[in-house]
Amino acid sequence: MAEIKAYSVRVEFLRPGETSYARLAREMYKKGFKQLLKGPGGDWVRLPKGSFVISTTDAPDLVKHTVTNLAIGYDETALVKLNSVIRWAA
């Protein structure tokens, strides 16, 4: 049984272009990252620009590597912060 891990990721651009965050978001969605979360009351919440979540069986280093490679394509000074959110068996 594979362990699914949930991560939150924050990308900050030090010198963003006008559309850097929007273009990054499109690429992140293609990789399975989300910016919308359903809250306990059933309401949908949008994370701030540059913030994403993903549930995956990938190791943390691979997730961060994937995000970093995407982010530096839009701003070579991009900062990426990865946090483990929760773990459960699937």
N, C-alpha and C. Protein backbone atom coordinates (compact mmCIF):
# COMPACT_ATOMS: atom_id res chain seq x y z
N MET A 1 0.85 -1.18 0.00
CA MET A 1 0.00 0.00 0.00
C MET A 1 0.89 1.24 0.00
N ALA A 2 0.72 2.08 -0.98
CA ALA A 2 1.54 3.29 -1.11
C ALA A 2 1.08 4.36 -0.12
N GLU A 3 2.05 5.03 0.43
CA GLU A 3 1.74 6.12 1.36
C GLU A 3 1.55 7.41 0.58
N ILE A 4 0.39 8.02 0.74
CA ILE A 4 0.12 9.30 0.09
C ILE A 4 0.51 10.41 1.06
N LYS A 5 1.26 11.36 0.55
CA LYS A 5 1.68 12.49 1.37
C LYS A 5 1.08 13.75 0.78
N ALA A 6 0.68 14.66 1.63
CA ALA A 6 0.17 15.95 1.18
C ALA A 6 1.20 17.01 1.53
N TYR A 7 1.44 17.89 0.57
CA TYR A 7 2.41 18.96 0.75
C TYR A 7 1.79 20.31 0.42
N SER A 8 2.24 21.30 1.13
CA SER A 8 1.95 22.67 0.73
C SER A 8 3.26 23.24 0.20
N VAL A 9 3.14 24.03 -0.84
CA VAL A 9 4.30 24.62 -1.49
C VAL A 9 4.07 26.11 -1.64
N ARG A 10 5.10 26.87 -1.34
CA ARG A 10 5.04 28.33 -1.51
C ARG A 10 6.19 28.73 -2.42
N VAL A 11 5.86 29.44 -3.50
CA VAL A 11 6.86 29.95 -4.42
C VAL A 11 6.84 31.47 -4.34
N GLU A 12 8.00 32.06 -4.12
CA GLU A 12 8.12 33.52 -4.12
C GLU A 12 9.14 33.93 -5.16
N PHE A 13 8.72 34.86 -5.99
CA PHE A 13 9.61 35.42 -7.00
C PHE A 13 10.18 36.74 -6.49
N LEU A 14 11.47 36.90 -6.55
CA LEU A 14 12.08 38.15 -6.12
C LEU A 14 11.98 39.22 -7.20
N ARG A 15 11.96 38.77 -8.47
CA ARG A 15 11.82 39.70 -9.59
C ARG A 15 10.77 39.17 -10.57
N PRO A 16 9.51 39.11 -10.13
CA PRO A 16 8.50 38.52 -11.00
C PRO A 16 8.18 39.40 -12.20
N GLY A 17 7.90 38.73 -13.30
CA GLY A 17 7.36 39.43 -14.46
C GLY A 17 5.88 39.66 -14.23
N GLU A 18 5.27 40.40 -15.10
CA GLU A 18 3.86 40.74 -14.94
C GLU A 18 2.95 39.51 -14.88
N THR A 19 3.31 38.45 -15.61
CA THR A 19 2.47 37.26 -15.65
C THR A 19 3.15 36.02 -15.06
N SER A 20 4.23 36.19 -14.33
CA SER A 20 4.99 35.06 -13.80
C SER A 20 4.14 34.12 -12.95
N TYR A 21 3.38 34.68 -12.00
CA TYR A 21 2.59 33.83 -11.11
C TYR A 21 1.47 33.11 -11.86
N ALA A 22 0.83 33.77 -12.79
CA ALA A 22 -0.26 33.15 -13.56
C ALA A 22 0.28 32.02 -14.43
N ARG A 23 1.41 32.25 -15.07
CA ARG A 23 2.01 31.21 -15.92
C ARG A 23 2.49 30.04 -15.07
N LEU A 24 3.08 30.32 -13.90
CA LEU A 24 3.49 29.26 -13.00
C LEU A 24 2.28 28.44 -12.57
N ALA A 25 1.20 29.09 -12.22
CA ALA A 25 -0.01 28.38 -11.78
C ALA A 25 -0.50 27.42 -12.85
N ARG A 26 -0.51 27.83 -14.10
CA ARG A 26 -0.95 26.94 -15.19
C ARG A 26 -0.07 25.70 -15.26
N GLU A 27 1.24 25.88 -15.14
CA GLU A 27 2.15 24.74 -15.19
C GLU A 27 2.02 23.84 -13.95
N MET A 28 1.80 24.46 -12.81
CA MET A 28 1.62 23.69 -11.58
C MET A 28 0.35 22.83 -11.66
N TYR A 29 -0.74 23.39 -12.21
CA TYR A 29 -1.98 22.63 -12.37
C TYR A 29 -1.74 21.40 -13.23
N LYS A 30 -0.95 21.56 -14.28
CA LYS A 30 -0.65 20.42 -15.18
C LYS A 30 0.08 19.31 -14.44
N LYS A 31 0.82 19.66 -13.39
CA LYS A 31 1.57 18.68 -12.60
C LYS A 31 0.75 18.13 -11.42
N GLY A 32 -0.49 18.58 -11.28
CA GLY A 32 -1.36 18.06 -10.22
C GLY A 32 -1.49 18.94 -8.99
N PHE A 33 -0.85 20.09 -8.97
CA PHE A 33 -0.96 21.00 -7.84
C PHE A 33 -2.27 21.77 -7.91
N LYS A 34 -2.80 22.13 -6.76
CA LYS A 34 -4.08 22.85 -6.68
C LYS A 34 -3.92 24.11 -5.85
N GLN A 35 -4.80 25.08 -6.13
CA GLN A 35 -4.85 26.29 -5.31
C GLN A 35 -6.19 26.45 -4.62
N LEU A 36 -7.13 25.57 -4.91
CA LEU A 36 -8.44 25.61 -4.28
C LEU A 36 -8.56 24.47 -3.27
N LEU A 37 -9.03 24.80 -2.08
CA LEU A 37 -9.25 23.81 -1.03
C LEU A 37 -10.69 23.90 -0.56
N LYS A 38 -11.29 22.76 -0.28
CA LYS A 38 -12.64 22.75 0.26
C LYS A 38 -12.52 22.73 1.78
N GLY A 39 -13.07 23.75 2.42
CA GLY A 39 -12.99 23.87 3.86
C GLY A 39 -13.97 22.94 4.56
N PRO A 40 -13.86 22.83 5.89
CA PRO A 40 -14.72 21.92 6.65
C PRO A 40 -16.21 22.25 6.52
N GLY A 41 -16.54 23.50 6.27
CA GLY A 41 -17.93 23.89 6.11
C GLY A 41 -18.44 23.74 4.68
N GLY A 42 -17.58 23.23 3.80
CA GLY A 42 -17.99 23.03 2.42
C GLY A 42 -17.67 24.20 1.51
N ASP A 43 -17.17 25.30 2.07
CA ASP A 43 -16.80 26.46 1.26
C ASP A 43 -15.44 26.24 0.60
N TRP A 44 -15.30 26.76 -0.61
CA TRP A 44 -14.03 26.67 -1.33
C TRP A 44 -13.17 27.88 -0.98
N VAL A 45 -11.90 27.62 -0.76
CA VAL A 45 -10.94 28.67 -0.40
C VAL A 45 -9.80 28.64 -1.42
N ARG A 46 -9.45 29.81 -1.95
CA ARG A 46 -8.33 29.91 -2.88
C ARG A 46 -7.08 30.34 -2.10
N LEU A 47 -6.01 29.59 -2.29
CA LEU A 47 -4.74 29.94 -1.66
C LEU A 47 -4.16 31.19 -2.33
N PRO A 48 -3.33 31.93 -1.63
CA PRO A 48 -2.70 33.12 -2.23
C PRO A 48 -1.83 32.74 -3.43
N LYS A 49 -1.60 33.71 -4.30
CA LYS A 49 -0.74 33.43 -5.46
C LYS A 49 0.60 32.90 -4.98
N GLY A 50 1.09 31.91 -5.71
CA GLY A 50 2.36 31.29 -5.35
C GLY A 50 2.24 30.16 -4.34
N SER A 51 1.02 29.91 -3.83
CA SER A 51 0.80 28.84 -2.85
C SER A 51 -0.01 27.72 -3.48
N PHE A 52 0.40 26.48 -3.23
CA PHE A 52 -0.22 25.32 -3.84
C PHE A 52 -0.21 24.15 -2.87
N VAL A 53 -1.07 23.16 -3.12
CA VAL A 53 -1.06 21.90 -2.38
C VAL A 53 -1.08 20.76 -3.38
N ILE A 54 -0.57 19.61 -2.94
CA ILE A 54 -0.60 18.40 -3.77
C ILE A 54 -0.60 17.19 -2.85
N SER A 55 -1.32 16.15 -3.26
CA SER A 55 -1.26 14.84 -2.61
C SER A 55 -0.58 13.91 -3.59
N THR A 56 0.45 13.21 -3.13
CA THR A 56 1.25 12.39 -4.03
C THR A 56 1.99 11.31 -3.26
N THR A 57 2.44 10.31 -3.97
CA THR A 57 3.30 9.30 -3.37
C THR A 57 4.78 9.67 -3.58
N ASP A 58 5.03 10.76 -4.28
CA ASP A 58 6.41 11.20 -4.54
C ASP A 58 7.10 11.63 -3.24
N ALA A 59 8.40 11.44 -3.21
CA ALA A 59 9.22 11.86 -2.07
C ALA A 59 9.28 13.39 -2.03
N PRO A 60 9.47 13.97 -0.85
CA PRO A 60 9.53 15.43 -0.73
C PRO A 60 10.60 16.07 -1.62
N ASP A 61 11.76 15.45 -1.72
CA ASP A 61 12.83 16.02 -2.55
C ASP A 61 12.41 16.11 -4.01
N LEU A 62 11.67 15.11 -4.50
CA LEU A 62 11.22 15.12 -5.88
C LEU A 62 10.17 16.21 -6.11
N VAL A 63 9.26 16.37 -5.14
CA VAL A 63 8.24 17.42 -5.25
C VAL A 63 8.91 18.79 -5.30
N LYS A 64 9.84 19.03 -4.38
CA LYS A 64 10.53 20.33 -4.36
C LYS A 64 11.33 20.56 -5.63
N HIS A 65 12.00 19.52 -6.12
CA HIS A 65 12.78 19.62 -7.35
C HIS A 65 11.87 19.99 -8.53
N THR A 66 10.72 19.35 -8.62
CA THR A 66 9.76 19.63 -9.70
C THR A 66 9.32 21.10 -9.65
N VAL A 67 8.95 21.56 -8.47
CA VAL A 67 8.47 22.94 -8.32
C VAL A 67 9.60 23.93 -8.60
N THR A 68 10.77 23.66 -8.08
CA THR A 68 11.91 24.57 -8.30
C THR A 68 12.21 24.70 -9.78
N ASN A 69 12.24 23.58 -10.49
CA ASN A 69 12.51 23.64 -11.94
C ASN A 69 11.47 24.46 -12.68
N LEU A 70 10.21 24.32 -12.31
CA LEU A 70 9.16 25.13 -12.94
C LEU A 70 9.35 26.61 -12.61
N ALA A 71 9.57 26.89 -11.33
CA ALA A 71 9.64 28.28 -10.86
C ALA A 71 10.81 29.05 -11.46
N ILE A 72 11.99 28.43 -11.53
CA ILE A 72 13.14 29.17 -12.04
C ILE A 72 13.01 29.45 -13.54
N GLY A 73 12.07 28.78 -14.19
CA GLY A 73 11.80 29.10 -15.59
C GLY A 73 11.14 30.47 -15.76
N TYR A 74 10.55 30.98 -14.68
CA TYR A 74 9.88 32.28 -14.72
C TYR A 74 10.64 33.36 -13.99
N ASP A 75 11.48 32.97 -13.04
CA ASP A 75 12.32 33.92 -12.31
C ASP A 75 13.46 33.12 -11.68
N GLU A 76 14.66 33.33 -12.15
CA GLU A 76 15.79 32.53 -11.67
C GLU A 76 16.10 32.74 -10.20
N THR A 77 15.50 33.76 -9.58
CA THR A 77 15.71 34.00 -8.15
C THR A 77 14.57 33.42 -7.31
N ALA A 78 13.76 32.54 -7.89
CA ALA A 78 12.61 31.98 -7.18
C ALA A 78 13.02 31.26 -5.90
N LEU A 79 12.22 31.46 -4.87
CA LEU A 79 12.40 30.76 -3.59
C LEU A 79 11.26 29.76 -3.45
N VAL A 80 11.56 28.53 -3.08
CA VAL A 80 10.55 27.49 -2.94
C VAL A 80 10.60 26.92 -1.54
N LYS A 81 9.46 26.90 -0.88
CA LYS A 81 9.33 26.35 0.47
C LYS A 81 8.33 25.21 0.41
N LEU A 82 8.71 24.03 0.89
CA LEU A 82 7.87 22.85 0.88
C LEU A 82 7.60 22.41 2.31
N ASN A 83 6.34 22.13 2.63
CA ASN A 83 5.95 21.64 3.95
C ASN A 83 5.10 20.39 3.81
N SER A 84 5.35 19.40 4.65
CA SER A 84 4.51 18.22 4.69
C SER A 84 3.28 18.56 5.49
N VAL A 85 2.10 18.20 4.96
CA VAL A 85 0.85 18.57 5.63
C VAL A 85 0.31 17.41 6.44
N ILE A 86 0.13 16.25 5.82
CA ILE A 86 -0.49 15.10 6.49
C ILE A 86 -0.11 13.84 5.73
N ARG A 87 -0.19 12.72 6.41
CA ARG A 87 0.08 11.43 5.77
C ARG A 87 -1.06 10.48 6.08
N TRP A 88 -1.42 9.68 5.10
CA TRP A 88 -2.40 8.63 5.33
C TRP A 88 -2.17 7.51 4.33
N ALA A 89 -2.66 6.33 4.64
CA ALA A 89 -2.47 5.18 3.75
C ALA A 89 -3.62 5.10 2.76
N ALA A 90 -3.30 4.68 1.52
CA ALA A 90 -4.34 4.54 0.50
C ALA A 90 -4.24 3.15 -0.11
